[in-house]
Amino acid sequence: MKFNIFNRIAALSALTLAAGFTLTSCTEDTDGSPQIKPGNPVVAKIFPDSAASGSLVTVTGSGLGDMRTVVFEKQAVPAGFQSTLNTDGALMFRVPSEAAGGVQKVTLTNSAGQAVTVNFKVLAFATVSDASNFNFSKGTEITITGNNLDDVTAVAFADSVKGISDPATIVSKAKKTLVIKMPASTLDRGTLTITNSTGRTRTRQEFVNVDKAYQIFSDAYGTGYQDGSWGDGGVVSTKEFKSGTASVAKTFQKGNWHLIGFANWSSSAISYSPDYTYITGWIKGASADYSLYLTTDASKGGFGGYDEKNRIDVKANTWTYFKLKLSDIDFWSAGKTLKQVGFRIKGPDKQDETFYFDDIMLVK
């Protein structure tokens, strides 16, 4: 009797296991997309019908649930989308960052190779993420990095408030880079207006006209200026420079808390003027990241101090650009004459460190 019971249990288990295999073998693996067979795709509407990269676009119609690719006509750029969100009546995708600007066809193709196209305008305004330099003289070549720069037709150094727009010369252009030659200008500083097939845009970055600035150091010491460093003096170097042909090098000795100084003891020292808005320049870092402290003899704290408002963080072995608004830092007290400008360091503690300084200027 027990033997028969055990046999029945074993037989039932075998049947259950077999049924499980049968059910498993009948279940189709999917990628999570709706199980919609490819149909005859028809587009009724695309919304919006123009947008910039990253924008979400919705296509409505019928037969859209089995789409496998979305491709922008110009340069055959594919758009990413989530097939799991498709329905027979709607498909969503984002405009790819590589899409070229202008009106073009967008082609949607399903798994059966059936395709439908719809017109769409890519708004590909030129964008600027960085520039090789933010200071220039007439004829300076600047390399701009960003996007949608390959169809740029015009660039100008401009100030919309003053109504001045000085055209720059386009030297070369590609999708991600644009090289321009800067013009002569009466502007102290301004932005760039960049025009391409989508339209005109303005950079958020501001550029400084070296020829209009008060130069403390630019290839050489400015009028009346000389080395006024503590410890080892500043040395004009043609080995390293950000602009022109030279910078000034300063070796800060280990543990000595040195300072590089630019001193003007002559009658050409500049009296306080509220017209000056910024101090700007470039510093090439040493072997590690350090902080330098801008200091002047015309400040409230006096020359040689460590005011956190005046701190400049300098990356190792890299040219770091700084542009400090004078009203935000302790730099120049009303009524005082500016005779000394310096950069002081805490340390260095491990070893001697050499920094390079270029285009140190006051800008209106």
Protein backbone atom coordinates (compact mmCIF):
# COMPACT_ATOMS: atom_id res chain seq x y z
CA MET A 1 0.00 0.00 0.00
CA LYS A 2 2.76 2.41 0.90
CA PHE A 3 4.52 1.45 -2.32
CA ASN A 4 1.51 2.47 -4.43
CA ILE A 5 1.18 5.80 -2.61
CA PHE A 6 4.82 6.62 -3.23
CA ASN A 7 4.45 5.68 -6.90
CA ARG A 8 1.45 7.95 -7.29
CA ILE A 9 3.24 10.88 -5.66
CA ALA A 10 6.26 10.38 -7.89
CA ALA A 11 4.09 10.19 -10.99
CA LEU A 12 2.21 13.37 -10.01
CA SER A 13 5.50 15.23 -9.45
CA ALA A 14 6.76 14.13 -12.86
CA LEU A 15 3.58 15.37 -14.53
CA THR A 16 3.82 18.72 -12.71
CA LEU A 17 7.46 19.13 -13.74
CA ALA A 18 6.67 18.26 -17.34
CA ALA A 19 3.83 20.74 -17.38
CA GLY A 20 6.18 23.38 -16.05
CA PHE A 21 8.65 22.70 -18.86
CA THR A 22 5.80 22.85 -21.36
CA LEU A 23 4.58 26.22 -20.05
CA THR A 24 8.12 27.57 -19.96
CA SER A 25 8.84 26.49 -23.51
CA CYS A 26 5.68 28.23 -24.69
CA THR A 27 6.57 31.58 -23.06
CA GLU A 28 8.29 33.97 -25.52
CA ASP A 29 11.20 36.09 -24.30
CA THR A 30 10.62 39.79 -24.97
CA ASP A 31 12.44 43.06 -24.41
CA GLY A 32 9.46 44.47 -22.55
CA SER A 33 8.00 46.18 -25.63
CA PRO A 34 4.23 45.90 -26.14
CA GLN A 35 3.42 42.80 -28.17
CA ILE A 36 2.08 44.71 -31.18
CA LYS A 37 2.55 43.33 -34.64
CA PRO A 38 4.02 45.66 -37.28
CA GLY A 39 1.31 47.46 -39.20
CA ASN A 40 1.05 50.08 -41.90
CA PRO A 41 2.51 53.13 -40.11
CA VAL A 42 0.71 56.43 -40.53
CA VAL A 43 1.68 59.75 -38.87
CA ALA A 44 -1.14 62.12 -38.01
CA LYS A 45 0.82 64.69 -35.98
CA ILE A 46 4.25 65.46 -34.55
CA PHE A 47 4.49 67.73 -31.53
CA PRO A 48 6.38 69.98 -31.29
CA ASP A 49 7.31 70.29 -34.95
CA SER A 50 10.57 72.08 -34.06
CA ALA A 51 12.83 71.73 -31.04
CA ALA A 52 16.42 71.76 -29.81
CA SER A 53 18.55 68.77 -28.81
CA GLY A 54 17.32 66.92 -25.75
CA SER A 55 13.70 67.95 -26.29
CA LEU A 56 10.96 65.31 -26.05
CA VAL A 57 8.96 64.82 -29.25
CA THR A 58 5.68 62.88 -29.58
CA VAL A 59 4.43 61.34 -32.83
CA THR A 60 0.79 60.24 -33.01
CA GLY A 61 -1.01 58.21 -35.65
CA SER A 62 -1.53 54.48 -36.22
CA GLY A 63 0.67 51.42 -36.71
CA LEU A 64 3.44 52.95 -34.58
CA GLY A 65 3.76 50.31 -31.84
CA ASP A 66 6.46 48.18 -33.46
CA MET A 67 8.94 50.92 -34.43
CA ARG A 68 12.59 49.94 -34.13
CA THR A 69 14.49 53.00 -35.39
CA VAL A 70 14.06 56.77 -35.55
CA VAL A 71 16.58 58.52 -37.81
CA PHE A 72 17.11 62.21 -38.60
CA GLU A 73 17.79 62.80 -42.29
CA LYS A 74 20.84 65.08 -42.14
CA GLN A 75 23.93 62.95 -41.51
CA ALA A 76 21.63 59.99 -40.68
CA VAL A 77 21.61 60.66 -36.93
CA PRO A 78 19.61 58.10 -34.86
CA ALA A 79 17.37 59.20 -32.00
CA GLY A 80 17.09 57.23 -28.80
CA PHE A 81 13.70 56.12 -27.52
CA GLN A 82 12.14 53.59 -25.15
CA SER A 83 10.34 50.90 -27.12
CA THR A 84 8.49 49.87 -23.94
CA LEU A 85 6.63 53.19 -24.06
CA ASN A 86 5.40 52.72 -27.63
CA THR A 87 1.74 52.19 -28.38
CA ASP A 88 0.02 51.59 -31.67
CA GLY A 89 -1.05 55.21 -31.68
CA ALA A 90 1.96 57.05 -30.22
CA LEU A 91 5.76 57.10 -30.13
CA MET A 92 8.04 59.36 -28.07
CA PHE A 93 11.73 60.17 -28.69
CA ARG A 94 14.27 62.87 -27.87
CA VAL A 95 16.09 65.07 -30.36
CA PRO A 96 19.70 63.80 -30.36
CA SER A 97 22.52 66.20 -29.50
CA GLU A 98 24.27 65.33 -32.78
CA ALA A 99 21.28 66.26 -34.95
CA ALA A 100 22.14 68.90 -37.57
CA GLY A 101 20.08 72.08 -37.59
CA GLY A 102 17.33 72.94 -40.03
CA VAL A 103 14.24 71.37 -41.60
CA GLN A 104 14.63 67.68 -42.41
CA LYS A 105 12.78 64.40 -42.57
CA VAL A 106 12.62 62.04 -39.62
CA THR A 107 12.14 58.40 -40.66
CA LEU A 108 10.44 55.85 -38.39
CA THR A 109 10.94 52.18 -39.36
CA ASN A 110 9.32 49.07 -37.84
CA SER A 111 10.55 45.47 -37.56
CA ALA A 112 9.03 44.57 -40.94
CA GLY A 113 11.01 47.32 -42.67
CA GLN A 114 7.95 49.51 -43.19
CA ALA A 115 8.81 53.19 -42.84
CA VAL A 116 7.06 56.52 -42.55
CA THR A 117 8.60 60.00 -42.65
CA VAL A 118 7.60 63.30 -41.10
CA ASN A 119 9.08 66.79 -41.45
CA PHE A 120 10.79 68.30 -38.42
CA LYS A 121 12.94 71.37 -37.76
CA VAL A 122 15.94 70.92 -35.49
CA LEU A 123 16.74 74.09 -33.57
CA ALA A 124 20.51 73.77 -33.38
CA PHE A 125 21.69 77.13 -32.09
CA ALA A 126 25.43 77.43 -31.66
CA THR A 127 26.52 76.83 -28.06
CA VAL A 128 29.85 77.67 -26.45
CA SER A 129 31.17 75.67 -23.49
CA ASP A 130 34.74 77.01 -23.40
CA ALA A 131 37.34 79.07 -25.23
CA SER A 132 41.11 78.87 -25.55
CA ASN A 133 41.36 82.42 -24.19
CA PHE A 134 39.03 85.12 -22.89
CA ASN A 135 41.53 87.94 -23.47
CA PHE A 136 42.45 89.21 -26.91
CA SER A 137 44.11 91.91 -28.97
CA LYS A 138 43.42 92.69 -32.59
CA GLY A 139 44.26 89.63 -34.69
CA THR A 140 44.30 87.14 -31.80
CA GLU A 141 43.02 83.70 -32.83
CA ILE A 142 40.67 82.07 -30.35
CA THR A 143 39.43 78.49 -30.52
CA ILE A 144 35.87 78.05 -29.30
CA THR A 145 34.52 74.67 -28.22
CA GLY A 146 30.84 73.83 -28.08
CA ASN A 147 28.21 72.43 -30.42
CA ASN A 148 26.51 73.24 -33.73
CA LEU A 149 29.44 75.33 -34.90
CA ASP A 150 29.94 73.76 -38.34
CA ASP A 151 27.37 75.95 -40.10
CA VAL A 152 28.28 79.26 -38.40
CA THR A 153 28.14 82.12 -40.89
CA ALA A 154 29.00 85.13 -38.71
CA VAL A 155 30.66 85.99 -35.39
CA ALA A 156 30.94 89.42 -33.78
CA PHE A 157 32.38 90.91 -30.60
CA ALA A 158 29.48 92.96 -29.35
CA ASP A 159 27.74 94.96 -26.65
CA SER A 160 23.99 95.29 -27.22
CA VAL A 161 23.64 98.10 -24.68
CA LYS A 162 26.25 100.26 -26.42
CA GLY A 163 25.04 99.17 -29.85
CA ILE A 164 28.52 98.11 -30.98
CA SER A 165 29.16 94.97 -33.01
CA ASP A 166 32.64 94.36 -34.41
CA PRO A 167 32.79 91.41 -36.86
CA ALA A 168 35.34 88.67 -36.23
CA THR A 169 36.87 86.56 -39.01
CA ILE A 170 36.01 82.85 -39.21
CA VAL A 171 39.26 80.90 -39.71
CA SER A 172 37.89 77.34 -39.57
CA LYS A 173 34.84 75.51 -38.29
CA ALA A 174 33.67 72.03 -37.34
CA LYS A 175 30.75 70.59 -35.38
CA LYS A 176 32.44 71.03 -31.99
CA THR A 177 35.08 73.69 -32.64
CA LEU A 178 35.27 77.13 -34.21
CA VAL A 179 38.44 79.19 -34.73
CA ILE A 180 38.02 82.95 -35.09
CA LYS A 181 40.33 85.94 -35.47
CA MET A 182 39.33 88.78 -33.18
CA PRO A 183 38.79 92.31 -34.50
CA ALA A 184 39.99 95.70 -33.33
CA SER A 185 37.37 97.20 -31.03
CA THR A 186 36.58 100.20 -28.89
CA LEU A 187 34.82 97.95 -26.37
CA ASP A 188 36.53 97.15 -23.07
CA ARG A 189 34.73 93.82 -22.83
CA GLY A 190 31.80 92.09 -24.48
CA THR A 191 30.23 88.83 -25.56
CA LEU A 192 30.23 87.04 -28.91
CA THR A 193 27.17 86.88 -31.11
CA ILE A 194 27.21 83.73 -33.23
CA THR A 195 24.92 83.16 -36.20
CA ASN A 196 24.22 79.81 -37.85
CA SER A 197 21.38 78.31 -39.92
CA THR A 198 19.08 78.16 -36.89
CA GLY A 199 19.59 81.77 -35.88
CA ARG A 200 21.70 84.05 -33.72
CA THR A 201 22.74 83.45 -30.14
CA ARG A 202 24.94 85.23 -27.63
CA THR A 203 27.64 83.65 -25.47
CA ARG A 204 27.31 83.76 -21.71
CA GLN A 205 31.12 84.03 -21.59
CA GLU A 206 32.58 87.53 -21.70
CA PHE A 207 35.77 88.43 -23.56
CA VAL A 208 38.23 91.15 -22.56
CA ASN A 209 39.95 93.55 -24.95
CA VAL A 210 43.58 93.64 -23.79
CA ASP A 211 44.24 96.82 -25.78
CA LYS A 212 41.67 98.70 -23.68
CA ALA A 213 42.65 97.24 -20.30
CA TYR A 214 45.03 98.59 -17.65
CA GLN A 215 47.92 96.18 -17.99
CA ILE A 216 49.84 95.12 -14.90
CA PHE A 217 51.61 92.35 -16.80
CA SER A 218 51.10 91.24 -20.41
CA ASP A 219 54.24 89.80 -22.08
CA ALA A 220 56.14 92.37 -20.02
CA TYR A 221 55.56 94.49 -16.94
CA GLY A 222 53.05 97.27 -17.54
CA THR A 223 54.06 100.92 -17.62
CA GLY A 224 55.80 101.79 -14.35
CA TYR A 225 55.61 98.23 -12.99
CA GLN A 226 58.48 96.06 -11.84
CA ASP A 227 59.04 92.96 -9.74
CA GLY A 228 58.10 93.50 -6.11
CA SER A 229 58.10 89.92 -4.86
CA TRP A 230 58.98 88.56 -1.42
CA GLY A 231 61.70 85.92 -1.51
CA ASP A 232 62.77 84.84 -4.98
CA GLY A 233 61.74 87.42 -7.55
CA GLY A 234 59.44 87.00 -10.51
CA VAL A 235 61.24 86.09 -13.73
CA VAL A 236 59.88 86.89 -17.20
CA SER A 237 59.66 83.56 -19.02
CA THR A 238 59.23 82.76 -22.71
CA LYS A 239 58.95 79.06 -21.85
CA GLU A 240 55.35 79.29 -20.71
CA PHE A 241 52.64 81.79 -21.68
CA LYS A 242 48.91 81.90 -22.23
CA SER A 243 48.86 84.87 -24.59
CA GLY A 244 51.52 86.60 -26.64
CA THR A 245 55.09 85.41 -26.06
CA ALA A 246 55.84 85.55 -22.33
CA SER A 247 54.62 85.20 -18.76
CA VAL A 248 56.21 85.88 -15.39
CA ALA A 249 57.35 82.87 -13.31
CA LYS A 250 57.56 82.76 -9.54
CA THR A 251 59.03 79.94 -7.45
CA PHE A 252 57.44 79.80 -4.00
CA GLN A 253 59.98 78.16 -1.69
CA LYS A 254 59.00 75.36 0.67
CA GLY A 255 57.69 76.66 3.98
CA ASN A 256 58.54 80.30 3.31
CA TRP A 257 55.09 81.66 2.52
CA HIS A 258 56.37 83.68 -0.42
CA LEU A 259 54.51 86.31 -2.46
CA ILE A 260 54.80 87.39 -6.07
CA GLY A 261 54.47 91.15 -6.31
CA PHE A 262 53.88 93.65 -9.12
CA ALA A 263 54.96 97.07 -7.88
CA ASN A 264 54.59 100.55 -9.36
CA TRP A 265 56.48 103.14 -7.34
CA SER A 266 56.41 105.73 -10.13
CA SER A 267 54.11 108.65 -10.79
CA SER A 268 52.19 106.44 -13.20
CA ALA A 269 50.65 104.48 -10.29
CA ILE A 270 46.90 104.51 -10.74
CA SER A 271 44.57 106.42 -8.43
CA TYR A 272 41.27 104.91 -7.33
CA SER A 273 38.62 104.88 -10.05
CA PRO A 274 35.14 103.35 -9.77
CA ASP A 275 35.21 102.83 -13.54
CA TYR A 276 37.28 99.68 -13.13
CA THR A 277 35.06 96.66 -12.62
CA TYR A 278 37.24 93.53 -12.72
CA ILE A 279 40.74 92.23 -12.22
CA THR A 280 41.49 89.34 -14.53
CA GLY A 281 44.33 87.08 -15.57
CA TRP A 282 45.72 83.58 -16.05
CA ILE A 283 47.76 81.48 -13.62
CA LYS A 284 49.44 78.20 -14.51
CA GLY A 285 49.45 75.83 -11.55
CA ALA A 286 52.31 73.87 -10.01
CA SER A 287 52.59 70.13 -9.23
CA ALA A 288 49.43 70.04 -7.10
CA ASP A 289 46.25 72.06 -6.57
CA TYR A 290 46.85 75.21 -4.50
CA SER A 291 45.04 78.35 -3.43
CA LEU A 292 46.59 81.76 -4.03
CA TYR A 293 45.42 84.93 -2.32
CA LEU A 294 45.17 88.18 -4.27
CA THR A 295 46.40 91.13 -2.20
CA THR A 296 47.02 94.86 -2.73
CA ASP A 297 48.36 97.81 -0.76
CA ALA A 298 45.13 99.68 -1.57
CA SER A 299 42.93 97.14 0.23
CA LYS A 300 41.41 97.54 3.69
CA GLY A 301 43.41 94.58 4.97
CA GLY A 302 46.73 95.82 3.61
CA PHE A 303 49.35 94.13 1.48
CA GLY A 304 50.20 90.49 2.17
CA GLY A 305 46.94 89.35 3.75
CA TYR A 306 44.88 86.18 3.32
CA ASP A 307 41.32 87.30 2.65
CA GLU A 308 39.06 84.38 1.69
CA LYS A 309 37.10 86.66 -0.65
CA ASN A 310 40.33 87.10 -2.60
CA ARG A 311 41.20 83.39 -2.87
CA ILE A 312 41.90 81.89 -6.30
CA ASP A 313 41.96 78.09 -6.57
CA VAL A 314 44.57 77.02 -9.11
CA LYS A 315 44.58 73.54 -10.65
CA ALA A 316 47.83 71.60 -10.99
CA ASN A 317 49.78 71.99 -14.26
CA THR A 318 46.87 73.84 -15.85
CA TRP A 319 46.24 77.43 -16.89
CA THR A 320 43.43 78.73 -14.65
CA TYR A 321 41.49 81.82 -15.70
CA PHE A 322 40.23 84.20 -13.05
CA LYS A 323 38.02 87.25 -13.32
CA LEU A 324 37.09 88.82 -10.00
CA LYS A 325 34.61 91.64 -9.57
CA LEU A 326 36.31 94.37 -7.55
CA SER A 327 33.16 95.19 -5.61
CA ASP A 328 33.05 91.59 -4.33
CA ILE A 329 36.59 91.46 -2.94
CA ASP A 330 38.92 93.53 -0.77
CA PHE A 331 41.03 95.10 -3.50
CA TRP A 332 40.81 98.87 -3.76
CA SER A 333 39.55 101.32 -1.16
CA ALA A 334 38.19 104.64 -2.38
CA GLY A 335 40.80 107.40 -2.33
CA LYS A 336 43.80 105.07 -2.34
CA THR A 337 46.46 104.79 -5.03
CA LEU A 338 47.17 101.27 -6.27
CA LYS A 339 50.93 100.64 -6.12
CA GLN A 340 51.26 96.95 -5.27
CA VAL A 341 49.39 93.87 -6.49
CA GLY A 342 50.44 90.42 -5.32
CA PHE A 343 49.53 86.76 -5.01
CA ARG A 344 50.44 85.00 -1.75
CA ILE A 345 50.44 81.30 -0.89
CA LYS A 346 50.15 79.38 2.38
CA GLY A 347 53.16 77.11 2.22
CA PRO A 348 54.02 75.21 0.10
CA ASP A 349 54.83 72.61 2.76
CA LYS A 350 56.28 69.69 0.74
CA GLN A 351 58.53 71.27 -1.87
CA ASP A 352 59.27 74.39 -3.91
CA GLU A 353 56.51 75.17 -6.41
CA THR A 354 56.63 77.34 -9.56
CA PHE A 355 53.63 79.22 -10.93
CA TYR A 356 53.29 81.31 -14.10
CA PHE A 357 51.25 84.52 -14.40
CA ASP A 358 49.97 86.14 -17.59
CA ASP A 359 47.60 88.93 -18.67
CA ILE A 360 47.15 90.43 -15.21
CA MET A 361 44.87 93.41 -15.95
CA LEU A 362 42.24 95.78 -14.64
CA VAL A 363 39.12 96.00 -16.81
CA LYS A 364 36.43 98.65 -16.95
